Amino acid sequence: MADTQEVDAKAERRAAKLAKQINAFSKAHGGAEAQVAYIGQRGARIALVGEDGNWGNLVAPTQEIAEQAVKKAGITVHEDFDGEFAAKVKTGRYEWSRMAGIQVGGPKNA
């Protein structure tokens, strides 16, 4: 029984830490919205988009911890990363260069 409590406490601390990071991102970017996606054994990705169009990702060890973190942060969570939510993302030269670099024949990213 103590092991289960220990695991639960560790998950709670991890969710609280992620929520703190989400809140810091939100504060720095005039608010934020998120989408949580399962990424296999690695856990779950929390994609964040700020009101100013800046974006970033956090990775949680499990889907449950990711969902708990966004709930604790109190931000809007979208089912999918599409439509109006995706349109809020602003990209710059770096992102376009990186995206083009992974295409066959695109510029190399050294």
PDB file of N, CA and C in Angstrom:
ATOM      1  N   MET A   1       0.823  -1.194   0.000  1.00  0.00           N
ATOM      2  CA  MET A   1       0.000   0.000   0.000  1.00  0.00           C
ATOM      3  C   MET A   1       0.867   1.257   0.000  1.00  0.00           C
ATOM      4  N   ALA A   2       1.974   1.242   0.719  1.00  0.00           N
ATOM      5  CA  ALA A   2       2.854   2.407   0.773  1.00  0.00           C
ATOM      6  C   ALA A   2       3.451   2.704  -0.594  1.00  0.00           C
ATOM      7  N   ASP A   3       3.710   1.652  -1.372  1.00  0.00           N
ATOM      8  CA  ASP A   3       4.264   1.854  -2.708  1.00  0.00           C
ATOM      9  C   ASP A   3       3.295   2.624  -3.600  1.00  0.00           C
ATOM     10  N   THR A   4       2.018   2.296  -3.532  1.00  0.00           N
ATOM     11  CA  THR A   4       1.001   2.984  -4.324  1.00  0.00           C
ATOM     12  C   THR A   4       0.923   4.453  -3.916  1.00  0.00           C
ATOM     13  N   GLN A   5       0.966   4.707  -2.633  1.00  0.00           N
ATOM     14  CA  GLN A   5       0.927   6.085  -2.140  1.00  0.00           C
ATOM     15  C   GLN A   5       2.162   6.850  -2.599  1.00  0.00           C
ATOM     16  N   GLU A   6       3.306   6.175  -2.602  1.00  0.00           N
ATOM     17  CA  GLU A   6       4.559   6.794  -3.036  1.00  0.00           C
ATOM     18  C   GLU A   6       4.497   7.162  -4.524  1.00  0.00           C
ATOM     19  N   VAL A   7       3.964   6.239  -5.331  1.00  0.00           N
ATOM     20  CA  VAL A   7       3.810   6.482  -6.769  1.00  0.00           C
ATOM     21  C   VAL A   7       2.837   7.627  -6.995  1.00  0.00           C
ATOM     22  N   ASP A   8       1.704   7.631  -6.281  1.00  0.00           N
ATOM     23  CA  ASP A   8       0.718   8.698  -6.404  1.00  0.00           C
ATOM     24  C   ASP A   8       1.306  10.048  -6.020  1.00  0.00           C
ATOM     25  N   ALA A   9       2.093  10.079  -4.968  1.00  0.00           N
ATOM     26  CA  ALA A   9       2.716  11.327  -4.525  1.00  0.00           C
ATOM     27  C   ALA A   9       3.718  11.827  -5.562  1.00  0.00           C
ATOM     28  N   LYS A  10       4.460  10.908  -6.152  1.00  0.00           N
ATOM     29  CA  LYS A  10       5.425  11.283  -7.187  1.00  0.00           C
ATOM     30  C   LYS A  10       4.703  11.838  -8.419  1.00  0.00           C
ATOM     31  N   ALA A  11       3.608  11.203  -8.822  1.00  0.00           N
ATOM     32  CA  ALA A  11       2.818  11.668  -9.970  1.00  0.00           C
ATOM     33  C   ALA A  11       2.223  13.040  -9.679  1.00  0.00           C
ATOM     34  N   GLU A  12       1.750  13.226  -8.460  1.00  0.00           N
ATOM     35  CA  GLU A  12       1.180  14.514  -8.048  1.00  0.00           C
ATOM     36  C   GLU A  12       2.238  15.621  -8.119  1.00  0.00           C
ATOM     37  N   ARG A  13       3.445  15.321  -7.639  1.00  0.00           N
ATOM     38  CA  ARG A  13       4.528  16.318  -7.693  1.00  0.00           C
ATOM     39  C   ARG A  13       4.896  16.644  -9.142  1.00  0.00           C
ATOM     40  N   ARG A  14       4.941  15.635  -9.989  1.00  0.00           N
ATOM     41  CA  ARG A  14       5.281  15.852 -11.404  1.00  0.00           C
ATOM     42  C   ARG A  14       4.206  16.700 -12.086  1.00  0.00           C
ATOM     43  N   ALA A  15       2.936  16.410 -11.812  1.00  0.00           N
ATOM     44  CA  ALA A  15       1.837  17.198 -12.385  1.00  0.00           C
ATOM     45  C   ALA A  15       1.901  18.647 -11.893  1.00  0.00           C
ATOM     46  N   ALA A  16       2.211  18.834 -10.615  1.00  0.00           N
ATOM     47  CA  ALA A  16       2.316  20.185 -10.058  1.00  0.00           C
ATOM     48  C   ALA A  16       3.463  20.954 -10.708  1.00  0.00           C
ATOM     49  N   LYS A  17       4.589  20.271 -10.946  1.00  0.00           N
ATOM     50  CA  LYS A  17       5.733  20.919 -11.600  1.00  0.00           C
ATOM     51  C   LYS A  17       5.378  21.321 -13.032  1.00  0.00           C
ATOM     52  N   LEU A  18       4.717  20.437 -13.752  1.00  0.00           N
ATOM     53  CA  LEU A  18       4.293  20.758 -15.119  1.00  0.00           C
ATOM     54  C   LEU A  18       3.291  21.910 -15.122  1.00  0.00           C
ATOM     55  N   ALA A  19       2.357  21.903 -14.180  1.00  0.00           N
ATOM     56  CA  ALA A  19       1.368  22.985 -14.089  1.00  0.00           C
ATOM     57  C   ALA A  19       2.060  24.326 -13.839  1.00  0.00           C
ATOM     58  N   LYS A  20       3.099  24.311 -13.020  1.00  0.00           N
ATOM     59  CA  LYS A  20       3.868  25.532 -12.750  1.00  0.00           C
ATOM     60  C   LYS A  20       4.538  26.029 -14.038  1.00  0.00           C
ATOM     61  N   GLN A  21       5.088  25.101 -14.835  1.00  0.00           N
ATOM     62  CA  GLN A  21       5.717  25.473 -16.104  1.00  0.00           C
ATOM     63  C   GLN A  21       4.673  26.002 -17.092  1.00  0.00           C
ATOM     64  N   ILE A  22       3.502  25.382 -17.119  1.00  0.00           N
ATOM     65  CA  ILE A  22       2.416  25.836 -17.989  1.00  0.00           C
ATOM     66  C   ILE A  22       1.995  27.244 -17.590  1.00  0.00           C
ATOM     67  N   ASN A  23       1.838  27.476 -16.296  1.00  0.00           N
ATOM     68  CA  ASN A  23       1.442  28.803 -15.812  1.00  0.00           C
ATOM     69  C   ASN A  23       2.491  29.862 -16.139  1.00  0.00           C
ATOM     70  N   ALA A  24       3.771  29.513 -16.048  1.00  0.00           N
ATOM     71  CA  ALA A  24       4.839  30.460 -16.393  1.00  0.00           C
ATOM     72  C   ALA A  24       4.777  30.803 -17.880  1.00  0.00           C
ATOM     73  N   PHE A  25       4.558  29.799 -18.722  1.00  0.00           N
ATOM     74  CA  PHE A  25       4.424  30.028 -20.167  1.00  0.00           C
ATOM     75  C   PHE A  25       3.219  30.931 -20.425  1.00  0.00           C
ATOM     76  N   SER A  26       2.111  30.618 -19.799  1.00  0.00           N
ATOM     77  CA  SER A  26       0.887  31.392 -19.976  1.00  0.00           C
ATOM     78  C   SER A  26       1.088  32.850 -19.574  1.00  0.00           C
ATOM     79  N   LYS A  27       1.724  33.062 -18.452  1.00  0.00           N
ATOM     80  CA  LYS A  27       1.976  34.421 -17.961  1.00  0.00           C
ATOM     81  C   LYS A  27       2.881  35.182 -18.931  1.00  0.00           C
ATOM     82  N   ALA A  28       3.885  34.519 -19.470  1.00  0.00           N
ATOM     83  CA  ALA A  28       4.837  35.163 -20.382  1.00  0.00           C
ATOM     84  C   ALA A  28       4.231  35.476 -21.746  1.00  0.00           C
ATOM     85  N   HIS A  29       3.126  34.794 -22.096  1.00  0.00           N
ATOM     86  CA  HIS A  29       2.574  34.943 -23.445  1.00  0.00           C
ATOM     87  C   HIS A  29       1.123  35.404 -23.469  1.00  0.00           C
ATOM     88  N   GLY A  30       0.691  36.065 -22.390  1.00  0.00           N
ATOM     89  CA  GLY A  30      -0.645  36.658 -22.367  1.00  0.00           C
ATOM     90  C   GLY A  30      -1.778  35.655 -22.293  1.00  0.00           C
ATOM     91  N   GLY A  31      -1.500  34.480 -21.788  1.00  0.00           N
ATOM     92  CA  GLY A  31      -2.481  33.403 -21.714  1.00  0.00           C
ATOM     93  C   GLY A  31      -2.023  32.255 -22.587  1.00  0.00           C
ATOM     94  N   ALA A  32      -2.653  31.108 -22.424  1.00  0.00           N
ATOM     95  CA  ALA A  32      -2.263  29.942 -23.218  1.00  0.00           C
ATOM     96  C   ALA A  32      -3.405  28.945 -23.312  1.00  0.00           C
ATOM     97  N   GLU A  33      -3.324  28.134 -24.349  1.00  0.00           N
ATOM     98  CA  GLU A  33      -4.228  27.012 -24.545  1.00  0.00           C
ATOM     99  C   GLU A  33      -3.353  25.802 -24.824  1.00  0.00           C
ATOM    100  N   ALA A  34      -3.929  24.611 -24.697  1.00  0.00           N
ATOM    101  CA  ALA A  34      -3.122  23.399 -24.849  1.00  0.00           C
ATOM    102  C   ALA A  34      -3.861  22.305 -25.591  1.00  0.00           C
ATOM    103  N   GLN A  35      -3.075  21.322 -26.003  1.00  0.00           N
ATOM    104  CA  GLN A  35      -3.598  20.074 -26.551  1.00  0.00           C
ATOM    105  C   GLN A  35      -2.679  18.988 -26.037  1.00  0.00           C
ATOM    106  N   VAL A  36      -3.256  17.906 -25.526  1.00  0.00           N
ATOM    107  CA  VAL A  36      -2.483  16.796 -24.978  1.00  0.00           C
ATOM    108  C   VAL A  36      -2.562  15.637 -25.960  1.00  0.00           C
ATOM    109  N   ALA A  37      -1.389  15.085 -26.315  1.00  0.00           N
ATOM    110  CA  ALA A  37      -1.344  13.971 -27.260  1.00  0.00           C
ATOM    111  C   ALA A  37      -0.467  12.847 -26.715  1.00  0.00           C
ATOM    112  N   TYR A  38      -0.971  11.640 -26.780  1.00  0.00           N
ATOM    113  CA  TYR A  38      -0.231  10.454 -26.373  1.00  0.00           C
ATOM    114  C   TYR A  38       0.904  10.234 -27.365  1.00  0.00           C
ATOM    115  N   ILE A  39       2.127  10.019 -26.869  1.00  0.00           N
ATOM    116  CA  ILE A  39       3.276   9.807 -27.757  1.00  0.00           C
ATOM    117  C   ILE A  39       3.962   8.462 -27.503  1.00  0.00           C
ATOM    118  N   GLY A  40       3.192   7.500 -27.054  1.00  0.00           N
ATOM    119  CA  GLY A  40       3.733   6.164 -26.843  1.00  0.00           C
ATOM    120  C   GLY A  40       4.404   6.001 -25.495  1.00  0.00           C
ATOM    121  N   GLN A  41       5.407   5.136 -25.445  1.00  0.00           N
ATOM    122  CA  GLN A  41       6.088   4.836 -24.189  1.00  0.00           C
ATOM    123  C   GLN A  41       6.680   6.077 -23.545  1.00  0.00           C
ATOM    124  N   ARG A  42       6.977   7.081 -24.345  1.00  0.00           N
ATOM    125  CA  ARG A  42       7.570   8.317 -23.828  1.00  0.00           C
ATOM    126  C   ARG A  42       6.593   9.089 -22.954  1.00  0.00           C
ATOM    127  N   GLY A  43       5.285   8.892 -23.142  1.00  0.00           N
ATOM    128  CA  GLY A  43       4.301   9.581 -22.320  1.00  0.00           C
ATOM    129  C   GLY A  43       3.315  10.374 -23.139  1.00  0.00           C
ATOM    130  N   ALA A  44       3.172  11.657 -22.817  1.00  0.00           N
ATOM    131  CA  ALA A  44       2.225  12.529 -23.499  1.00  0.00           C
ATOM    132  C   ALA A  44       2.845  13.909 -23.697  1.00  0.00           C
ATOM    133  N   ARG A  45       2.554  14.486 -24.853  1.00  0.00           N
ATOM    134  CA  ARG A  45       3.054  15.822 -25.190  1.00  0.00           C
ATOM    135  C   ARG A  45       1.962  16.825 -24.863  1.00  0.00           C
ATOM    136  N   ILE A  46       2.361  17.899 -24.190  1.00  0.00           N
ATOM    137  CA  ILE A  46       1.461  19.018 -23.934  1.00  0.00           C
ATOM    138  C   ILE A  46       1.917  20.134 -24.859  1.00  0.00           C
ATOM    139  N   ALA A  47       1.145  20.363 -25.915  1.00  0.00           N
ATOM    140  CA  ALA A  47       1.467  21.446 -26.854  1.00  0.00           C
ATOM    141  C   ALA A  47       0.789  22.704 -26.336  1.00  0.00           C
ATOM    142  N   LEU A  48       1.573  23.757 -26.143  1.00  0.00           N
ATOM    143  CA  LEU A  48       1.062  25.022 -25.623  1.00  0.00           C
ATOM    144  C   LEU A  48       1.128  26.089 -26.707  1.00  0.00           C
ATOM    145  N   VAL A  49       0.077  26.888 -26.803  1.00  0.00           N
ATOM    146  CA  VAL A  49       0.061  28.027 -27.722  1.00  0.00           C
ATOM    147  C   VAL A  49      -0.350  29.249 -26.917  1.00  0.00           C
ATOM    148  N   GLY A  50       0.533  30.259 -26.911  1.00  0.00           N
ATOM    149  CA  GLY A  50       0.243  31.482 -26.191  1.00  0.00           C
ATOM    150  C   GLY A  50      -0.676  32.390 -26.985  1.00  0.00           C
ATOM    151  N   GLU A  51      -1.297  33.330 -26.298  1.00  0.00           N
ATOM    152  CA  GLU A  51      -2.172  34.294 -26.966  1.00  0.00           C
ATOM    153  C   GLU A  51      -1.410  35.136 -27.978  1.00  0.00           C
ATOM    154  N   ASP A  52      -0.093  35.262 -27.794  1.00  0.00           N
ATOM    155  CA  ASP A  52       0.727  36.034 -28.718  1.00  0.00           C
ATOM    156  C   ASP A  52       1.229  35.209 -29.900  1.00  0.00           C
ATOM    157  N   GLY A  53       0.832  33.934 -29.976  1.00  0.00           N
ATOM    158  CA  GLY A  53       1.221  33.072 -31.083  1.00  0.00           C
ATOM    159  C   GLY A  53       2.459  32.241 -30.842  1.00  0.00           C
ATOM    160  N   ASN A  54       3.203  32.536 -29.775  1.00  0.00           N
ATOM    161  CA  ASN A  54       4.369  31.706 -29.447  1.00  0.00           C
ATOM    162  C   ASN A  54       3.882  30.356 -28.954  1.00  0.00           C
ATOM    163  N   TRP A  55       4.711  29.343 -29.146  1.00  0.00           N
ATOM    164  CA  TRP A  55       4.299  27.998 -28.790  1.00  0.00           C
ATOM    165  C   TRP A  55       5.459  27.210 -28.216  1.00  0.00           C
ATOM    166  N   GLY A  56       5.129  26.125 -27.569  1.00  0.00           N
ATOM    167  CA  GLY A  56       6.137  25.255 -26.992  1.00  0.00           C
ATOM    168  C   GLY A  56       5.512  23.936 -26.589  1.00  0.00           C
ATOM    169  N   ASN A  57       6.348  23.005 -26.200  1.00  0.00           N
ATOM    170  CA  ASN A  57       5.903  21.667 -25.803  1.00  0.00           C
ATOM    171  C   ASN A  57       6.504  21.284 -24.463  1.00  0.00           C
ATOM    172  N   LEU A  58       5.752  20.520 -23.721  1.00  0.00           N
ATOM    173  CA  LEU A  58       6.234  19.859 -22.510  1.00  0.00           C
ATOM    174  C   LEU A  58       5.915  18.381 -22.675  1.00  0.00           C
ATOM    175  N   VAL A  59       6.696  17.521 -22.059  1.00  0.00           N
ATOM    176  CA  VAL A  59       6.423  16.088 -22.114  1.00  0.00           C
ATOM    177  C   VAL A  59       6.192  15.582 -20.694  1.00  0.00           C
ATOM    178  N   ALA A  60       5.071  14.904 -20.530  1.00  0.00           N
ATOM    179  CA  ALA A  60       4.729  14.284 -19.247  1.00  0.00           C
ATOM    180  C   ALA A  60       4.989  12.785 -19.370  1.00  0.00           C
ATOM    181  N   PRO A  61       5.344  12.124 -18.275  1.00  0.00           N
ATOM    182  CA  PRO A  61       5.638  10.688 -18.338  1.00  0.00           C
ATOM    183  C   PRO A  61       4.418   9.818 -18.658  1.00  0.00           C
ATOM    184  N   THR A  62       3.212  10.323 -18.391  1.00  0.00           N
ATOM    185  CA  THR A  62       1.995   9.574 -18.704  1.00  0.00           C
ATOM    186  C   THR A  62       0.906  10.536 -19.178  1.00  0.00           C
ATOM    187  N   GLN A  63      -0.088   9.985 -19.860  1.00  0.00           N
ATOM    188  CA  GLN A  63      -1.247  10.760 -20.307  1.00  0.00           C
ATOM    189  C   GLN A  63      -1.988  11.335 -19.095  1.00  0.00           C
ATOM    190  N   GLU A  64      -2.120  10.534 -18.060  1.00  0.00           N
ATOM    191  CA  GLU A  64      -2.849  10.965 -16.861  1.00  0.00           C
ATOM    192  C   GLU A  64      -2.173  12.161 -16.193  1.00  0.00           C
ATOM    193  N   ILE A  65      -0.860  12.136 -16.092  1.00  0.00           N
ATOM    194  CA  ILE A  65      -0.132  13.249 -15.475  1.00  0.00           C
ATOM    195  C   ILE A  65      -0.272  14.498 -16.335  1.00  0.00           C
ATOM    196  N   ALA A  66      -0.218  14.351 -17.657  1.00  0.00           N
ATOM    197  CA  ALA A  66      -0.383  15.498 -18.552  1.00  0.00           C
ATOM    198  C   ALA A  66      -1.765  16.125 -18.370  1.00  0.00           C
ATOM    199  N   GLU A  67      -2.793  15.289 -18.329  1.00  0.00           N
ATOM    200  CA  GLU A  67      -4.161  15.789 -18.158  1.00  0.00           C
ATOM    201  C   GLU A  67      -4.349  16.447 -16.798  1.00  0.00           C
ATOM    202  N   GLN A  68      -3.726  15.882 -15.783  1.00  0.00           N
ATOM    203  CA  GLN A  68      -3.798  16.463 -14.441  1.00  0.00           C
ATOM    204  C   GLN A  68      -3.102  17.831 -14.420  1.00  0.00           C
ATOM    205  N   ALA A  69      -1.974  17.945 -15.119  1.00  0.00           N
ATOM    206  CA  ALA A  69      -1.212  19.198 -15.142  1.00  0.00           C
ATOM    207  C   ALA A  69      -1.992  20.322 -15.816  1.00  0.00           C
ATOM    208  N   VAL A  70      -2.601  20.048 -16.976  1.00  0.00           N
ATOM    209  CA  VAL A  70      -3.351  21.116 -17.643  1.00  0.00           C
ATOM    210  C   VAL A  70      -4.589  21.488 -16.843  1.00  0.00           C
ATOM    211  N   LYS A  71      -5.179  20.517 -16.163  1.00  0.00           N
ATOM    212  CA  LYS A  71      -6.335  20.810 -15.305  1.00  0.00           C
ATOM    213  C   LYS A  71      -5.914  21.716 -14.158  1.00  0.00           C
ATOM    214  N   LYS A  72      -4.777  21.393 -13.517  1.00  0.00           N
ATOM    215  CA  LYS A  72      -4.262  22.223 -12.414  1.00  0.00           C
ATOM    216  C   LYS A  72      -3.951  23.638 -12.891  1.00  0.00           C
ATOM    217  N   ALA A  73      -3.438  23.757 -14.126  1.00  0.00           N
ATOM    218  CA  ALA A  73      -3.085  25.066 -14.669  1.00  0.00           C
ATOM    219  C   ALA A  73      -4.327  25.883 -15.016  1.00  0.00           C
ATOM    220  N   GLY A  74      -5.448  25.207 -15.215  1.00  0.00           N
ATOM    221  CA  GLY A  74      -6.704  25.903 -15.471  1.00  0.00           C
ATOM    222  C   GLY A  74      -6.795  26.546 -16.852  1.00  0.00           C
ATOM    223  N   ILE A  75      -6.122  25.972 -17.839  1.00  0.00           N
ATOM    224  CA  ILE A  75      -6.166  26.540 -19.182  1.00  0.00           C
ATOM    225  C   ILE A  75      -7.108  25.727 -20.073  1.00  0.00           C
ATOM    226  N   THR A  76      -7.504  26.331 -21.192  1.00  0.00           N
ATOM    227  CA  THR A  76      -8.349  25.636 -22.158  1.00  0.00           C
ATOM    228  C   THR A  76      -7.549  24.525 -22.819  1.00  0.00           C
ATOM    229  N   VAL A  77      -8.147  23.344 -22.922  1.00  0.00           N
ATOM    230  CA  VAL A  77      -7.500  22.197 -23.550  1.00  0.00           C
ATOM    231  C   VAL A  77      -8.348  21.776 -24.753  1.00  0.00           C
ATOM    232  N   HIS A  78      -7.702  21.637 -25.901  1.00  0.00           N
ATOM    233  CA  HIS A  78      -8.374  21.238 -27.130  1.00  0.00           C
ATOM    234  C   HIS A  78      -8.186  19.744 -27.379  1.00  0.00           C
ATOM    235  N   GLU A  79      -9.181  19.131 -27.995  1.00  0.00           N
ATOM    236  CA  GLU A  79      -9.111  17.709 -28.347  1.00  0.00           C
ATOM    237  C   GLU A  79      -8.067  17.478 -29.440  1.00  0.00           C
ATOM    238  N   ASP A  80      -8.020  18.382 -30.421  1.00  0.00           N
ATOM    239  CA  ASP A  80      -7.137  18.235 -31.569  1.00  0.00           C
ATOM    240  C   ASP A  80      -6.333  19.506 -31.786  1.00  0.00           C
ATOM    241  N   PHE A  81      -5.223  19.353 -32.489  1.00  0.00           N
ATOM    242  CA  PHE A  81      -4.388  20.509 -32.825  1.00  0.00           C
ATOM    243  C   PHE A  81      -4.714  20.903 -34.262  1.00  0.00           C
ATOM    244  N   ASP A  82      -5.875  21.513 -34.429  1.00  0.00           N
ATOM    245  CA  ASP A  82      -6.289  21.918 -35.769  1.00  0.00           C
ATOM    246  C   ASP A  82      -7.210  23.133 -35.688  1.00  0.00           C
ATOM    247  N   GLY A  83      -7.685  23.569 -36.838  1.00  0.00           N
ATOM    248  CA  GLY A  83      -8.655  24.653 -36.893  1.00  0.00           C
ATOM    249  C   GLY A  83      -8.145  25.958 -36.310  1.00  0.00           C
ATOM    250  N   GLU A  84      -9.028  26.640 -35.605  1.00  0.00           N
ATOM    251  CA  GLU A  84      -8.710  27.950 -35.026  1.00  0.00           C
ATOM    252  C   GLU A  84      -7.536  27.864 -34.041  1.00  0.00           C
ATOM    253  N   PHE A  85      -7.455  26.762 -33.316  1.00  0.00           N
ATOM    254  CA  PHE A  85      -6.361  26.603 -32.356  1.00  0.00           C
ATOM    255  C   PHE A  85      -5.013  26.577 -33.079  1.00  0.00           C
ATOM    256  N   ALA A  86      -4.882  25.748 -34.091  1.00  0.00           N
ATOM    257  CA  ALA A  86      -3.630  25.659 -34.854  1.00  0.00           C
ATOM    258  C   ALA A  86      -3.315  26.972 -35.553  1.00  0.00           C
ATOM    259  N   ALA A  87      -4.338  27.696 -35.979  1.00  0.00           N
ATOM    260  CA  ALA A  87      -4.139  28.966 -36.692  1.00  0.00           C
ATOM    261  C   ALA A  87      -3.532  30.037 -35.787  1.00  0.00           C
ATOM    262  N   LYS A  88      -3.597  29.861 -34.484  1.00  0.00           N
ATOM    263  CA  LYS A  88      -3.023  30.838 -33.550  1.00  0.00           C
ATOM    264  C   LYS A  88      -1.495  30.787 -33.519  1.00  0.00           C
ATOM    265  N   VAL A  89      -0.900  29.678 -33.979  1.00  0.00           N
ATOM    266  CA  VAL A  89       0.551  29.498 -33.937  1.00  0.00           C
ATOM    267  C   VAL A  89       1.224  30.427 -34.948  1.00  0.00           C
ATOM    268  N   LYS A  90       2.202  31.175 -34.476  1.00  0.00           N
ATOM    269  CA  LYS A  90       3.002  32.016 -35.359  1.00  0.00           C
ATOM    270  C   LYS A  90       4.358  31.342 -35.541  1.00  0.00           C
ATOM    271  N   THR A  91       4.774  31.233 -36.787  1.00  0.00           N
ATOM    272  CA  THR A  91       6.076  30.643 -37.074  1.00  0.00           C
ATOM    273  C   THR A  91       6.986  31.691 -37.695  1.00  0.00           C
ATOM    274  N   GLY A  92       8.263  31.490 -37.524  1.00  0.00           N
ATOM    275  CA  GLY A  92       9.251  32.415 -38.059  1.00  0.00           C
ATOM    276  C   GLY A  92      10.220  31.705 -38.986  1.00  0.00           C
ATOM    277  N   ARG A  93      11.300  32.385 -39.316  1.00  0.00           N
ATOM    278  CA  ARG A  93      12.303  31.826 -40.227  1.00  0.00           C
ATOM    279  C   ARG A  93      12.865  30.505 -39.715  1.00  0.00           C
ATOM    280  N   TYR A  94      13.132  30.431 -38.424  1.00  0.00           N
ATOM    281  CA  TYR A  94      13.703  29.210 -37.859  1.00  0.00           C
ATOM    282  C   TYR A  94      12.819  28.002 -38.143  1.00  0.00           C
ATOM    283  N   GLU A  95      11.518  28.127 -37.828  1.00  0.00           N
ATOM    284  CA  GLU A  95      10.613  27.005 -38.030  1.00  0.00           C
ATOM    285  C   GLU A  95      10.513  26.627 -39.499  1.00  0.00           C
ATOM    286  N   TRP A  96      10.416  27.619 -40.379  1.00  0.00           N
ATOM    287  CA  TRP A  96      10.315  27.318 -41.808  1.00  0.00           C
ATOM    288  C   TRP A  96      11.598  26.665 -42.312  1.00  0.00           C
ATOM    289  N   SER A  97      12.718  27.103 -41.799  1.00  0.00           N
ATOM    290  CA  SER A  97      13.988  26.501 -42.189  1.00  0.00           C
ATOM    291  C   SER A  97      14.056  25.047 -41.723  1.00  0.00           C
ATOM    292  N   ARG A  98      13.638  24.803 -40.485  1.00  0.00           N
ATOM    293  CA  ARG A  98      13.658  23.438 -39.941  1.00  0.00           C
ATOM    294  C   ARG A  98      12.696  22.535 -40.711  1.00  0.00           C
ATOM    295  N   MET A  99      11.502  23.052 -41.011  1.00  0.00           N
ATOM    296  CA  MET A  99      10.530  22.233 -41.735  1.00  0.00           C
ATOM    297  C   MET A  99      11.030  21.928 -43.136  1.00  0.00           C
ATOM    298  N   ALA A 100      11.608  22.925 -43.800  1.00  0.00           N
ATOM    299  CA  ALA A 100      12.115  22.712 -45.155  1.00  0.00           C
ATOM    300  C   ALA A 100      13.307  21.766 -45.136  1.00  0.00           C
ATOM    301  N   GLY A 101      14.083  21.804 -44.081  1.00  0.00           N
ATOM    302  CA  GLY A 101      15.272  20.967 -43.983  1.00  0.00           C
ATOM    303  C   GLY A 101      14.987  19.487 -43.898  1.00  0.00           C
ATOM    304  N   ILE A 102      13.779  19.130 -43.480  1.00  0.00           N
ATOM    305  CA  ILE A 102      13.475  17.711 -43.386  1.00  0.00           C
ATOM    306  C   ILE A 102      12.860  17.177 -44.678  1.00  0.00           C
ATOM    307  N   GLN A 103      12.626  18.061 -45.619  1.00  0.00           N
ATOM    308  CA  GLN A 103      12.071  17.646 -46.906  1.00  0.00           C
ATOM    309  C   GLN A 103      13.206  17.224 -47.840  1.00  0.00           C
ATOM    310  N   VAL A 104      12.945  16.277 -48.676  1.00  0.00           N
ATOM    311  CA  VAL A 104      13.930  15.853 -49.671  1.00  0.00           C
ATOM    312  C   VAL A 104      14.233  17.049 -50.568  1.00  0.00           C
ATOM    313  N   GLY A 105      15.501  17.369 -50.685  1.00  0.00           N
ATOM    314  CA  GLY A 105      15.905  18.494 -51.528  1.00  0.00           C
ATOM    315  C   GLY A 105      15.834  19.842 -50.822  1.00  0.00           C
ATOM    316  N   GLY A 106      15.368  19.881 -49.564  1.00  0.00           N
ATOM    317  CA  GLY A 106      15.304  21.141 -48.837  1.00  0.00           C
ATOM    318  C   GLY A 106      16.679  21.549 -48.347  1.00  0.00           C
ATOM    319  N   PRO A 107      16.795  22.785 -47.857  1.00  0.00           N
ATOM    320  CA  PRO A 107      18.105  23.249 -47.370  1.00  0.00           C
ATOM    321  C   PRO A 107      18.547  22.433 -46.171  1.00  0.00           C
ATOM    322  N   LYS A 108      19.823  22.299 -46.026  1.00  0.00           N
ATOM    323  CA  LYS A 108      20.377  21.546 -44.899  1.00  0.00           C
ATOM    324  C   LYS A 108      20.429  22.450 -43.674  1.00  0.00           C
ATOM    325  N   ASN A 109      20.127  21.886 -42.530  1.00  0.00           N
ATOM    326  CA  ASN A 109      20.241  22.598 -41.259  1.00  0.00           C
ATOM    327  C   ASN A 109      21.492  22.123 -40.571  1.00  0.00           C
ATOM    328  N   ALA A 110      22.524  22.932 -40.633  1.00  0.00           N
ATOM    329  CA  ALA A 110      23.805  22.542 -40.044  1.00  0.00           C
ATOM    330  C   ALA A 110      23.864  22.898 -38.597  1.00  0.00           C
TER     331      ALA A 110
END
